[in-house]
């Protein structure tokens, strides 16, 4: 986002997870400059607000960045598209002008690996650890990307802080010990609040959390809605890999799906242990297949109103996945 008067600090949105020096975005769809944004999860009982969680932008802006992916009818990512292949509506109107359109694959990644260490995930814990290590080795580029490792049961423990060193990350994963209850929402809240939101916005980046859990929260002090709100504040995409091997759709699976859907991510439900690596590979593929479009909205008013965003592919059989809108600032 950029300020347009001398009375305001000139800044633009950076990236994902997201924020202040460039026109990049980092994790989801709408980005605000600096740390001056607040996420809002609309209430289900509000008749004038949409069901999708969105960001509430608190500073005056005239540029919006939307991060999205495009897939074909088979769900495969399409990476060779350009601005002319899409149509975008902001508040049901075409943008006043398109500022930029480009691939996000060259932006650095800031990842949080959150692994459920509670007693309920005991059966596949070792294999999940090795799959996570392999994923980090594949996805992280030295001196460019970075990740941290957090284990959670009834409490959260960071066993390795942000680093691009795969040896340290492997050690951090192996330090995780199994047992205890599950405070999934607290872990997401803590990861976003203490790690991803505190990162200095000296460079654009894409921020994401990979949660490996059965989703059966029984210890958190914050709610699911509050965890989602914090992820949106930090502009983090949540990817979830279920550890449930029952073959049934349980409550925890629904939770993981909701966390992913609310933040623009995906949830995976590998039934066999060998499928876990496939889930990590699919996340890696998606993180390297994103686009961003930057634009100036038409008839933009600082009225605090919800402005829906719709991006559609003009080519047949293409699907677009992005967040659904944002709130304009209110003076």
C-alpha atoms as a PDB file:
ATOM      1  CA  UNK A   1       0.000   0.000   0.000  1.00  0.00           C
ATOM      2  CA  UNK A   2       1.283   3.492  -0.592  1.00  0.00           C
ATOM      3  CA  UNK A   3       0.503   6.818   0.878  1.00  0.00           C
ATOM      4  CA  UNK A   4      -0.352   9.508  -1.593  1.00  0.00           C
ATOM      5  CA  UNK A   5       0.169  12.717   0.393  1.00  0.00           C
ATOM      6  CA  UNK A   6       3.234  14.332   1.824  1.00  0.00           C
ATOM      7  CA  UNK A   7       1.559  14.154   5.223  1.00  0.00           C
ATOM      8  CA  UNK A   8       1.956  10.423   5.217  1.00  0.00           C
ATOM      9  CA  UNK A   9       4.983   8.206   5.212  1.00  0.00           C
ATOM     10  CA  UNK A  10       5.729   6.862   1.751  1.00  0.00           C
ATOM     11  CA  UNK A  11       5.670   3.111   1.908  1.00  0.00           C
ATOM     12  CA  UNK A  12       4.513   0.151  -0.025  1.00  0.00           C
ATOM     13  CA  UNK A  13       3.502  -3.289   0.783  1.00  0.00           C
ATOM     14  CA  UNK A  14       5.952  -6.041   0.966  1.00  0.00           C
ATOM     15  CA  UNK A  15       5.443  -9.565   1.075  1.00  0.00           C
ATOM     16  CA  UNK A  16       3.538 -12.220   2.464  1.00  0.00           C
ATOM     17  CA  UNK A  17       3.446 -13.460   5.410  1.00  0.00           C
ATOM     18  CA  UNK A  18       4.219  -9.081   4.549  1.00  0.00           C
ATOM     19  CA  UNK A  19       4.957  -5.321   4.322  1.00  0.00           C
ATOM     20  CA  UNK A  20       6.682  -2.080   4.064  1.00  0.00           C
ATOM     21  CA  UNK A  21       9.242  -1.422   1.445  1.00  0.00           C
ATOM     22  CA  UNK A  22       8.036  -2.802  -1.867  1.00  0.00           C
ATOM     23  CA  UNK A  23       5.021  -3.738  -3.874  1.00  0.00           C
ATOM     24  CA  UNK A  24       5.363  -7.374  -2.939  1.00  0.00           C
ATOM     25  CA  UNK A  25       3.082  -9.468  -0.843  1.00  0.00           C
ATOM     26  CA  UNK A  26       4.052 -12.229   1.413  1.00  0.00           C
ATOM     27  CA  UNK A  27       1.440 -14.615   2.459  1.00  0.00           C
ATOM     28  CA  UNK A  28      -1.998 -14.108   1.488  1.00  0.00           C
ATOM     29  CA  UNK A  29      -4.042 -11.711  -0.421  1.00  0.00           C
ATOM     30  CA  UNK A  30      -4.227  -8.131   0.799  1.00  0.00           C
ATOM     31  CA  UNK A  31      -1.186  -6.456   2.296  1.00  0.00           C
ATOM     32  CA  UNK A  32      -0.630  -3.331   4.327  1.00  0.00           C
ATOM     33  CA  UNK A  33       2.543  -1.370   4.760  1.00  0.00           C
ATOM     34  CA  UNK A  34       4.657  -1.745   7.853  1.00  0.00           C
ATOM     35  CA  UNK A  35       2.883  -3.367  10.764  1.00  0.00           C
ATOM     36  CA  UNK A  36      -0.089  -1.058  10.498  1.00  0.00           C
ATOM     37  CA  UNK A  37      -2.817  -3.509   9.742  1.00  0.00           C
ATOM     38  CA  UNK A  38      -5.282  -5.517  11.799  1.00  0.00           C
ATOM     39  CA  UNK A  39      -6.953  -8.716  10.733  1.00  0.00           C
ATOM     40  CA  UNK A  40     -10.631  -9.213  11.299  1.00  0.00           C
ATOM     41  CA  UNK A  41     -12.655 -12.401  11.276  1.00  0.00           C
ATOM     42  CA  UNK A  42     -16.233 -11.490  10.426  1.00  0.00           C
ATOM     43  CA  UNK A  43     -18.883 -12.880  12.719  1.00  0.00           C
ATOM     44  CA  UNK A  44     -21.215 -15.552  11.373  1.00  0.00           C
ATOM     45  CA  UNK A  45     -24.209 -13.703  12.775  1.00  0.00           C
ATOM     46  CA  UNK A  46     -23.478 -10.460  10.978  1.00  0.00           C
ATOM     47  CA  UNK A  47     -25.770  -9.899   8.038  1.00  0.00           C
ATOM     48  CA  UNK A  48     -23.644  -7.253   6.383  1.00  0.00           C
ATOM     49  CA  UNK A  49     -20.274  -8.994   6.497  1.00  0.00           C
ATOM     50  CA  UNK A  50     -19.038 -11.909   4.377  1.00  0.00           C
ATOM     51  CA  UNK A  51     -18.163 -15.281   5.839  1.00  0.00           C
ATOM     52  CA  UNK A  52     -14.526 -15.183   4.728  1.00  0.00           C
ATOM     53  CA  UNK A  53     -11.903 -13.873   7.122  1.00  0.00           C
ATOM     54  CA  UNK A  54     -10.187 -10.827   5.682  1.00  0.00           C
ATOM     55  CA  UNK A  55      -7.697  -8.182   6.623  1.00  0.00           C
ATOM     56  CA  UNK A  56      -8.753  -4.852   8.029  1.00  0.00           C
ATOM     57  CA  UNK A  57      -6.385  -2.185   6.734  1.00  0.00           C
ATOM     58  CA  UNK A  58      -5.868   0.594   9.232  1.00  0.00           C
ATOM     59  CA  UNK A  59      -3.662   3.002   7.330  1.00  0.00           C
ATOM     60  CA  UNK A  60      -4.602   5.098   4.343  1.00  0.00           C
ATOM     61  CA  UNK A  61      -3.712   3.241   1.164  1.00  0.00           C
ATOM     62  CA  UNK A  62      -4.337   3.403  -2.544  1.00  0.00           C
ATOM     63  CA  UNK A  63      -2.703   0.176  -3.696  1.00  0.00           C
ATOM     64  CA  UNK A  64      -3.765  -3.408  -3.095  1.00  0.00           C
ATOM     65  CA  UNK A  65      -1.652  -6.520  -3.651  1.00  0.00           C
ATOM     66  CA  UNK A  66      -3.302  -9.905  -4.068  1.00  0.00           C
ATOM     67  CA  UNK A  67      -1.364 -13.153  -3.994  1.00  0.00           C
ATOM     68  CA  UNK A  68      -2.980 -16.107  -5.771  1.00  0.00           C
ATOM     69  CA  UNK A  69      -2.436 -19.388  -7.579  1.00  0.00           C
ATOM     70  CA  UNK A  70      -3.938 -20.750 -10.790  1.00  0.00           C
ATOM     71  CA  UNK A  71      -4.629 -24.423 -11.487  1.00  0.00           C
ATOM     72  CA  UNK A  72      -5.996 -26.381 -14.428  1.00  0.00           C
ATOM     73  CA  UNK A  73      -8.995 -28.691 -14.278  1.00  0.00           C
ATOM     74  CA  UNK A  74      -6.777 -31.462 -12.911  1.00  0.00           C
ATOM     75  CA  UNK A  75      -5.522 -29.290 -10.057  1.00  0.00           C
ATOM     76  CA  UNK A  76      -2.064 -28.792 -11.559  1.00  0.00           C
ATOM     77  CA  UNK A  77      -0.409 -25.407 -11.122  1.00  0.00           C
ATOM     78  CA  UNK A  78      -0.136 -23.199 -14.185  1.00  0.00           C
ATOM     79  CA  UNK A  79       2.952 -20.992 -14.056  1.00  0.00           C
ATOM     80  CA  UNK A  80       3.202 -19.370 -17.494  1.00  0.00           C
ATOM     81  CA  UNK A  81       0.308 -16.906 -17.318  1.00  0.00           C
ATOM     82  CA  UNK A  82       0.330 -13.129 -17.605  1.00  0.00           C
ATOM     83  CA  UNK A  83      -1.883 -10.202 -16.696  1.00  0.00           C
ATOM     84  CA  UNK A  84      -4.041 -10.587 -19.820  1.00  0.00           C
ATOM     85  CA  UNK A  85      -5.117 -14.061 -18.676  1.00  0.00           C
ATOM     86  CA  UNK A  86      -7.049 -12.738 -15.668  1.00  0.00           C
ATOM     87  CA  UNK A  87      -9.872 -10.370 -14.840  1.00  0.00           C
ATOM     88  CA  UNK A  88     -10.091  -8.720 -11.448  1.00  0.00           C
ATOM     89  CA  UNK A  89     -12.933  -6.929  -9.707  1.00  0.00           C
ATOM     90  CA  UNK A  90     -12.513  -4.860  -6.559  1.00  0.00           C
ATOM     91  CA  UNK A  91     -15.827  -3.966  -4.945  1.00  0.00           C
ATOM     92  CA  UNK A  92     -17.504  -5.304  -8.114  1.00  0.00           C
ATOM     93  CA  UNK A  93     -15.593  -2.853 -10.332  1.00  0.00           C
ATOM     94  CA  UNK A  94     -12.476  -3.171 -12.479  1.00  0.00           C
ATOM     95  CA  UNK A  95      -9.442  -1.507 -10.890  1.00  0.00           C
ATOM     96  CA  UNK A  96      -8.599   2.045 -11.812  1.00  0.00           C
ATOM     97  CA  UNK A  97      -5.175   0.817 -12.931  1.00  0.00           C
ATOM     98  CA  UNK A  98      -2.959  -2.252 -12.724  1.00  0.00           C
ATOM     99  CA  UNK A  99       0.382  -1.399 -11.140  1.00  0.00           C
ATOM    100  CA  UNK A 100       2.173  -4.716 -11.482  1.00  0.00           C
ATOM    101  CA  UNK A 101       1.698  -8.388 -12.243  1.00  0.00           C
ATOM    102  CA  UNK A 102       4.400 -10.967 -11.742  1.00  0.00           C
ATOM    103  CA  UNK A 103       5.348 -14.355 -10.393  1.00  0.00           C
ATOM    104  CA  UNK A 104       6.260 -14.582  -6.722  1.00  0.00           C
ATOM    105  CA  UNK A 105       8.594 -17.548  -7.092  1.00  0.00           C
ATOM    106  CA  UNK A 106      11.681 -15.394  -6.726  1.00  0.00           C
ATOM    107  CA  UNK A 107      10.683 -14.004  -3.326  1.00  0.00           C
ATOM    108  CA  UNK A 108      12.322 -15.446  -0.197  1.00  0.00           C
ATOM    109  CA  UNK A 109      10.360 -17.763   2.068  1.00  0.00           C
ATOM    110  CA  UNK A 110       9.904 -17.388   5.814  1.00  0.00           C
ATOM    111  CA  UNK A 111       8.474 -20.640   7.110  1.00  0.00           C
ATOM    112  CA  UNK A 112       7.323 -21.906  10.469  1.00  0.00           C
ATOM    113  CA  UNK A 113       7.233 -25.682  10.911  1.00  0.00           C
ATOM    114  CA  UNK A 114       4.746 -26.470  13.710  1.00  0.00           C
ATOM    115  CA  UNK A 115       4.728 -30.128  14.725  1.00  0.00           C
ATOM    116  CA  UNK A 116       2.181 -31.595  17.104  1.00  0.00           C
ATOM    117  CA  UNK A 117       4.077 -33.573  19.753  1.00  0.00           C
ATOM    118  CA  UNK A 118       1.045 -34.587  21.818  1.00  0.00           C
ATOM    119  CA  UNK A 119       0.347 -38.177  22.717  1.00  0.00           C
ATOM    120  CA  UNK A 120      -2.426 -38.411  20.127  1.00  0.00           C
ATOM    121  CA  UNK A 121       0.059 -38.342  17.201  1.00  0.00           C
ATOM    122  CA  UNK A 122       2.413 -41.004  18.537  1.00  0.00           C
ATOM    123  CA  UNK A 123       1.939 -43.644  15.831  1.00  0.00           C
ATOM    124  CA  UNK A 124       3.532 -41.737  12.933  1.00  0.00           C
ATOM    125  CA  UNK A 125       5.687 -39.251  14.813  1.00  0.00           C
ATOM    126  CA  UNK A 126       9.111 -40.493  13.683  1.00  0.00           C
ATOM    127  CA  UNK A 127       8.120 -40.682  10.027  1.00  0.00           C
ATOM    128  CA  UNK A 128       6.582 -37.213  10.165  1.00  0.00           C
ATOM    129  CA  UNK A 129       9.814 -35.831  11.591  1.00  0.00           C
ATOM    130  CA  UNK A 130      11.865 -37.295   8.750  1.00  0.00           C
ATOM    131  CA  UNK A 131       9.385 -36.069   6.141  1.00  0.00           C
ATOM    132  CA  UNK A 132       9.540 -32.561   7.608  1.00  0.00           C
ATOM    133  CA  UNK A 133      13.340 -32.590   7.525  1.00  0.00           C
ATOM    134  CA  UNK A 134      13.323 -33.694   3.896  1.00  0.00           C
ATOM    135  CA  UNK A 135      10.845 -30.916   3.036  1.00  0.00           C
ATOM    136  CA  UNK A 136      13.021 -28.218   4.603  1.00  0.00           C
ATOM    137  CA  UNK A 137      16.080 -29.528   2.791  1.00  0.00           C
ATOM    138  CA  UNK A 138      14.224 -29.333  -0.517  1.00  0.00           C
ATOM    139  CA  UNK A 139      12.486 -25.976  -0.095  1.00  0.00           C
ATOM    140  CA  UNK A 140      15.060 -23.736   1.604  1.00  0.00           C
ATOM    141  CA  UNK A 141      17.617 -21.892  -0.501  1.00  0.00           C
ATOM    142  CA  UNK A 142      20.800 -20.986   1.446  1.00  0.00           C
ATOM    143  CA  UNK A 143      21.238 -17.301   2.330  1.00  0.00           C
ATOM    144  CA  UNK A 144      17.783 -16.584   0.911  1.00  0.00           C
ATOM    145  CA  UNK A 145      15.019 -18.555   2.668  1.00  0.00           C
ATOM    146  CA  UNK A 146      14.735 -19.333   6.364  1.00  0.00           C
ATOM    147  CA  UNK A 147      12.595 -21.402   8.729  1.00  0.00           C
ATOM    148  CA  UNK A 148      12.041 -22.123  12.408  1.00  0.00           C
ATOM    149  CA  UNK A 149      10.894 -25.277  14.183  1.00  0.00           C
ATOM    150  CA  UNK A 150       8.226 -25.291  16.892  1.00  0.00           C
ATOM    151  CA  UNK A 151       6.827 -28.259  18.743  1.00  0.00           C
ATOM    152  CA  UNK A 152       3.551 -28.070  20.606  1.00  0.00           C
ATOM    153  CA  UNK A 153       1.529 -30.186  23.001  1.00  0.00           C
ATOM    154  CA  UNK A 154      -0.056 -28.370  25.928  1.00  0.00           C
ATOM    155  CA  UNK A 155       2.807 -25.866  25.580  1.00  0.00           C
ATOM    156  CA  UNK A 156       4.875 -24.529  22.690  1.00  0.00           C
ATOM    157  CA  UNK A 157       8.628 -24.975  22.396  1.00  0.00           C
ATOM    158  CA  UNK A 158      10.853 -23.453  19.722  1.00  0.00           C
ATOM    159  CA  UNK A 159      13.640 -25.962  19.213  1.00  0.00           C
ATOM    160  CA  UNK A 160      15.275 -23.973  16.408  1.00  0.00           C
ATOM    161  CA  UNK A 161      14.906 -20.280  15.670  1.00  0.00           C
ATOM    162  CA  UNK A 162      14.932 -18.787  12.169  1.00  0.00           C
ATOM    163  CA  UNK A 163      17.850 -20.111  10.121  1.00  0.00           C
ATOM    164  CA  UNK A 164      18.723 -21.252   6.629  1.00  0.00           C
ATOM    165  CA  UNK A 165      21.001 -23.970   8.021  1.00  0.00           C
ATOM    166  CA  UNK A 166      19.443 -27.365   7.316  1.00  0.00           C
ATOM    167  CA  UNK A 167      21.714 -29.087   9.839  1.00  0.00           C
ATOM    168  CA  UNK A 168      20.409 -26.888  12.656  1.00  0.00           C
ATOM    169  CA  UNK A 169      16.828 -27.354  11.475  1.00  0.00           C
ATOM    170  CA  UNK A 170      17.264 -31.141  11.407  1.00  0.00           C
ATOM    171  CA  UNK A 171      18.615 -31.049  14.952  1.00  0.00           C
ATOM    172  CA  UNK A 172      15.679 -28.867  15.975  1.00  0.00           C
ATOM    173  CA  UNK A 173      13.180 -31.365  14.566  1.00  0.00           C
ATOM    174  CA  UNK A 174      14.908 -34.280  16.331  1.00  0.00           C
ATOM    175  CA  UNK A 175      14.766 -32.394  19.633  1.00  0.00           C
ATOM    176  CA  UNK A 176      10.952 -32.645  19.590  1.00  0.00           C
ATOM    177  CA  UNK A 177       9.606 -35.117  22.137  1.00  0.00           C
ATOM    178  CA  UNK A 178       6.245 -36.811  21.974  1.00  0.00           C
ATOM    179  CA  UNK A 179       3.584 -36.626  24.738  1.00  0.00           C
ATOM    180  CA  UNK A 180       1.002 -34.400  26.424  1.00  0.00           C
ATOM    181  CA  UNK A 181      -2.159 -32.579  25.364  1.00  0.00           C
ATOM    182  CA  UNK A 182      -2.768 -30.425  22.265  1.00  0.00           C
ATOM    183  CA  UNK A 183      -2.815 -26.618  22.156  1.00  0.00           C
ATOM    184  CA  UNK A 184      -2.910 -26.104  18.383  1.00  0.00           C
ATOM    185  CA  UNK A 185      -4.520 -22.662  18.383  1.00  0.00           C
ATOM    186  CA  UNK A 186      -2.074 -21.369  20.975  1.00  0.00           C
ATOM    187  CA  UNK A 187       0.820 -22.621  18.843  1.00  0.00           C
ATOM    188  CA  UNK A 188      -0.421 -20.797  15.734  1.00  0.00           C
ATOM    189  CA  UNK A 189      -1.067 -17.649  17.733  1.00  0.00           C
ATOM    190  CA  UNK A 190       2.392 -17.788  19.313  1.00  0.00           C
ATOM    191  CA  UNK A 191       4.205 -18.529  16.048  1.00  0.00           C
ATOM    192  CA  UNK A 192       2.557 -15.596  14.306  1.00  0.00           C
ATOM    193  CA  UNK A 193       2.774 -13.172  17.195  1.00  0.00           C
ATOM    194  CA  UNK A 194       6.292 -13.897  18.449  1.00  0.00           C
ATOM    195  CA  UNK A 195       8.058 -14.917  15.246  1.00  0.00           C
ATOM    196  CA  UNK A 196       6.454 -13.902  11.960  1.00  0.00           C
ATOM    197  CA  UNK A 197       5.005 -10.560  13.021  1.00  0.00           C
ATOM    198  CA  UNK A 198       8.261  -9.571  14.707  1.00  0.00           C
ATOM    199  CA  UNK A 199      10.373 -10.098  11.614  1.00  0.00           C
ATOM    200  CA  UNK A 200      11.785  -6.838  10.348  1.00  0.00           C
ATOM    201  CA  UNK A 201      10.286  -5.914   7.017  1.00  0.00           C
ATOM    202  CA  UNK A 202      13.599  -5.084   5.413  1.00  0.00           C
ATOM    203  CA  UNK A 203      12.841  -7.327   2.480  1.00  0.00           C
ATOM    204  CA  UNK A 204       9.743  -8.693   0.770  1.00  0.00           C
ATOM    205  CA  UNK A 205       9.022 -12.309   1.655  1.00  0.00           C
ATOM    206  CA  UNK A 206       6.346 -14.962   1.553  1.00  0.00           C
ATOM    207  CA  UNK A 207       5.369 -16.223   4.986  1.00  0.00           C
ATOM    208  CA  UNK A 208       3.761 -19.573   5.677  1.00  0.00           C
ATOM    209  CA  UNK A 209       3.168 -22.008   8.510  1.00  0.00           C
ATOM    210  CA  UNK A 210       3.128 -25.755   7.960  1.00  0.00           C
ATOM    211  CA  UNK A 211       1.135 -27.461  10.722  1.00  0.00           C
ATOM    212  CA  UNK A 212       1.559 -31.207  11.219  1.00  0.00           C
ATOM    213  CA  UNK A 213      -1.200 -32.278  13.620  1.00  0.00           C
ATOM    214  CA  UNK A 214      -4.408 -34.232  14.071  1.00  0.00           C
ATOM    215  CA  UNK A 215      -6.202 -30.919  14.725  1.00  0.00           C
ATOM    216  CA  UNK A 216      -7.749 -32.144  17.983  1.00  0.00           C
ATOM    217  CA  UNK A 217      -7.159 -29.090  20.178  1.00  0.00           C
ATOM    218  CA  UNK A 218      -7.962 -29.635  23.850  1.00  0.00           C
ATOM    219  CA  UNK A 219      -5.635 -27.241  25.709  1.00  0.00           C
ATOM    220  CA  UNK A 220      -5.591 -23.836  23.993  1.00  0.00           C
ATOM    221  CA  UNK A 221      -6.408 -20.597  25.727  1.00  0.00           C
ATOM    222  CA  UNK A 222      -7.191 -18.826  22.434  1.00  0.00           C
ATOM    223  CA  UNK A 223      -9.971 -19.889  20.102  1.00  0.00           C
ATOM    224  CA  UNK A 224      -9.784 -21.086  16.525  1.00  0.00           C
ATOM    225  CA  UNK A 225     -11.134 -17.714  15.356  1.00  0.00           C
ATOM    226  CA  UNK A 226      -8.448 -15.885  17.327  1.00  0.00           C
ATOM    227  CA  UNK A 227      -5.722 -18.097  15.859  1.00  0.00           C
ATOM    228  CA  UNK A 228      -7.006 -17.356  12.367  1.00  0.00           C
ATOM    229  CA  UNK A 229      -7.133 -13.651  13.121  1.00  0.00           C
ATOM    230  CA  UNK A 230      -3.523 -13.657  14.282  1.00  0.00           C
ATOM    231  CA  UNK A 231      -2.446 -15.519  11.146  1.00  0.00           C
ATOM    232  CA  UNK A 232      -4.173 -12.879   9.053  1.00  0.00           C
ATOM    233  CA  UNK A 233      -2.539 -10.112  11.038  1.00  0.00           C
ATOM    234  CA  UNK A 234       0.832 -11.669  10.328  1.00  0.00           C
ATOM    235  CA  UNK A 235      -0.291 -12.291   6.746  1.00  0.00           C
ATOM    236  CA  UNK A 236       0.614 -15.950   6.955  1.00  0.00           C
ATOM    237  CA  UNK A 237      -0.727 -18.800   4.857  1.00  0.00           C
ATOM    238  CA  UNK A 238      -1.451 -21.952   6.850  1.00  0.00           C
ATOM    239  CA  UNK A 239      -0.813 -25.334   5.288  1.00  0.00           C
ATOM    240  CA  UNK A 240      -1.974 -28.306   7.325  1.00  0.00           C
ATOM    241  CA  UNK A 241      -0.988 -31.972   7.140  1.00  0.00           C
ATOM    242  CA  UNK A 242      -3.216 -34.269   9.151  1.00  0.00           C
ATOM    243  CA  UNK A 243      -1.668 -36.995  11.264  1.00  0.00           C
ATOM    244  CA  UNK A 244      -4.991 -38.823  11.584  1.00  0.00           C
ATOM    245  CA  UNK A 245      -4.690 -42.320  10.113  1.00  0.00           C
ATOM    246  CA  UNK A 246      -8.163 -43.574  11.032  1.00  0.00           C
ATOM    247  CA  UNK A 247      -9.545 -43.211   7.521  1.00  0.00           C
ATOM    248  CA  UNK A 248     -12.484 -41.255   8.943  1.00  0.00           C
ATOM    249  CA  UNK A 249     -13.280 -37.554   8.748  1.00  0.00           C
ATOM    250  CA  UNK A 250     -12.900 -36.434  12.338  1.00  0.00           C
ATOM    251  CA  UNK A 251     -13.440 -33.089  14.051  1.00  0.00           C
ATOM    252  CA  UNK A 252      -9.727 -32.332  13.910  1.00  0.00           C
ATOM    253  CA  UNK A 253      -9.685 -32.773  10.142  1.00  0.00           C
ATOM    254  CA  UNK A 254     -12.434 -30.178   9.837  1.00  0.00           C
ATOM    255  CA  UNK A 255     -10.415 -27.778  11.995  1.00  0.00           C
ATOM    256  CA  UNK A 256      -7.333 -28.182   9.816  1.00  0.00           C
ATOM    257  CA  UNK A 257      -9.397 -27.544   6.697  1.00  0.00           C
ATOM    258  CA  UNK A 258     -10.896 -24.395   8.217  1.00  0.00           C
ATOM    259  CA  UNK A 259      -7.480 -23.039   9.213  1.00  0.00           C
ATOM    260  CA  UNK A 260      -6.160 -23.563   5.698  1.00  0.00           C
ATOM    261  CA  UNK A 261      -9.227 -22.197   3.930  1.00  0.00           C
ATOM    262  CA  UNK A 262      -9.337 -19.070   6.071  1.00  0.00           C
ATOM    263  CA  UNK A 263      -5.758 -18.114   5.263  1.00  0.00           C
ATOM    264  CA  UNK A 264      -5.571 -19.113   1.602  1.00  0.00           C
ATOM    265  CA  UNK A 265      -3.692 -22.367   2.200  1.00  0.00           C
ATOM    266  CA  UNK A 266      -4.482 -26.058   1.769  1.00  0.00           C
ATOM    267  CA  UNK A 267      -5.090 -29.016   4.046  1.00  0.00           C
ATOM    268  CA  UNK A 268      -3.811 -32.511   3.302  1.00  0.00           C
ATOM    269  CA  UNK A 269      -5.062 -35.791   4.720  1.00  0.00           C
ATOM    270  CA  UNK A 270      -2.506 -38.512   3.959  1.00  0.00           C
ATOM    271  CA  UNK A 271      -3.891 -41.900   4.945  1.00  0.00           C
ATOM    272  CA  UNK A 272      -0.654 -43.833   4.453  1.00  0.00           C
ATOM    273  CA  UNK A 273       2.711 -42.793   5.838  1.00  0.00           C
ATOM    274  CA  UNK A 274       4.226 -42.681   2.358  1.00  0.00           C
ATOM    275  CA  UNK A 275       1.642 -40.058   1.399  1.00  0.00           C
ATOM    276  CA  UNK A 276       3.012 -37.612   3.987  1.00  0.00           C
ATOM    277  CA  UNK A 277       6.032 -36.874   1.805  1.00  0.00           C
ATOM    278  CA  UNK A 278       3.653 -36.257  -1.083  1.00  0.00           C
ATOM    279  CA  UNK A 279       1.821 -33.666   1.013  1.00  0.00           C
ATOM    280  CA  UNK A 280       5.045 -31.810   1.764  1.00  0.00           C
ATOM    281  CA  UNK A 281       5.958 -31.971  -1.931  1.00  0.00           C
ATOM    282  CA  UNK A 282       2.599 -30.456  -2.884  1.00  0.00           C
ATOM    283  CA  UNK A 283       3.172 -27.561  -0.464  1.00  0.00           C
ATOM    284  CA  UNK A 284       6.617 -26.969  -1.941  1.00  0.00           C
ATOM    285  CA  UNK A 285       5.119 -26.946  -5.424  1.00  0.00           C
ATOM    286  CA  UNK A 286       2.467 -24.415  -4.464  1.00  0.00           C
ATOM    287  CA  UNK A 287       4.933 -22.083  -2.765  1.00  0.00           C
ATOM    288  CA  UNK A 288       6.828 -21.965  -6.046  1.00  0.00           C
ATOM    289  CA  UNK A 289       3.729 -21.362  -8.187  1.00  0.00           C
ATOM    290  CA  UNK A 290       2.262 -18.076  -6.942  1.00  0.00           C
ATOM    291  CA  UNK A 291       1.351 -14.850  -8.729  1.00  0.00           C
ATOM    292  CA  UNK A 292       0.781 -11.360  -7.364  1.00  0.00           C
ATOM    293  CA  UNK A 293      -1.243  -8.563  -8.901  1.00  0.00           C
ATOM    294  CA  UNK A 294      -0.974  -4.984  -7.633  1.00  0.00           C
ATOM    295  CA  UNK A 295      -3.593  -2.381  -8.489  1.00  0.00           C
ATOM    296  CA  UNK A 296      -5.251   0.896  -7.571  1.00  0.00           C
ATOM    297  CA  UNK A 297      -8.951   0.330  -6.746  1.00  0.00           C
ATOM    298  CA  UNK A 298     -11.598   2.399  -8.509  1.00  0.00           C
ATOM    299  CA  UNK A 299     -13.754   4.774  -6.450  1.00  0.00           C
ATOM    300  CA  UNK A 300     -11.720   4.057  -3.341  1.00  0.00           C
ATOM    301  CA  UNK A 301     -13.082   5.615  -0.168  1.00  0.00           C
ATOM    302  CA  UNK A 302     -11.727   5.513   3.367  1.00  0.00           C
ATOM    303  CA  UNK A 303     -15.115   4.472   4.710  1.00  0.00           C
ATOM    304  CA  UNK A 304     -14.211   1.268   6.565  1.00  0.00           C
ATOM    305  CA  UNK A 305     -16.364  -0.777   4.224  1.00  0.00           C
ATOM    306  CA  UNK A 306     -15.682  -4.350   3.154  1.00  0.00           C
ATOM    307  CA  UNK A 307     -14.465  -4.510  -0.443  1.00  0.00           C
ATOM    308  CA  UNK A 308     -14.744  -7.953  -2.044  1.00  0.00           C
ATOM    309  CA  UNK A 309     -12.088  -9.093  -4.474  1.00  0.00           C
ATOM    310  CA  UNK A 310     -12.740 -11.496  -7.328  1.00  0.00           C
ATOM    311  CA  UNK A 311     -10.041 -12.802  -9.639  1.00  0.00           C
ATOM    312  CA  UNK A 312     -11.118 -14.998 -12.517  1.00  0.00           C
ATOM    313  CA  UNK A 313      -9.121 -16.744 -15.210  1.00  0.00           C
ATOM    314  CA  UNK A 314     -10.115 -15.877 -18.775  1.00  0.00           C
ATOM    315  CA  UNK A 315      -8.790 -19.145 -20.129  1.00  0.00           C
ATOM    316  CA  UNK A 316     -11.097 -22.140 -20.067  1.00  0.00           C
ATOM    317  CA  UNK A 317     -10.713 -24.714 -17.291  1.00  0.00           C
ATOM    318  CA  UNK A 318      -8.445 -22.552 -15.124  1.00  0.00           C
ATOM    319  CA  UNK A 319      -9.252 -22.003 -11.471  1.00  0.00           C
ATOM    320  CA  UNK A 320      -7.928 -19.238  -9.200  1.00  0.00           C
ATOM    321  CA  UNK A 321      -7.490 -19.479  -5.426  1.00  0.00           C
ATOM    322  CA  UNK A 322      -7.046 -16.266  -3.421  1.00  0.00           C
ATOM    323  CA  UNK A 323      -8.466 -14.526  -0.392  1.00  0.00           C
ATOM    324  CA  UNK A 324     -11.801 -12.907  -0.888  1.00  0.00           C
ATOM    325  CA  UNK A 325     -11.479  -9.255   0.135  1.00  0.00           C
ATOM    326  CA  UNK A 326     -10.376  -6.598   2.599  1.00  0.00           C
ATOM    327  CA  UNK A 327     -11.649  -3.681   4.627  1.00  0.00           C
ATOM    328  CA  UNK A 328     -10.882  -0.139   3.561  1.00  0.00           C
ATOM    329  CA  UNK A 329      -9.493   2.170   6.250  1.00  0.00           C
ATOM    330  CA  UNK A 330     -11.899   4.439   8.069  1.00  0.00           C
ATOM    331  CA  UNK A 331     -11.174   8.013   9.042  1.00  0.00           C
END
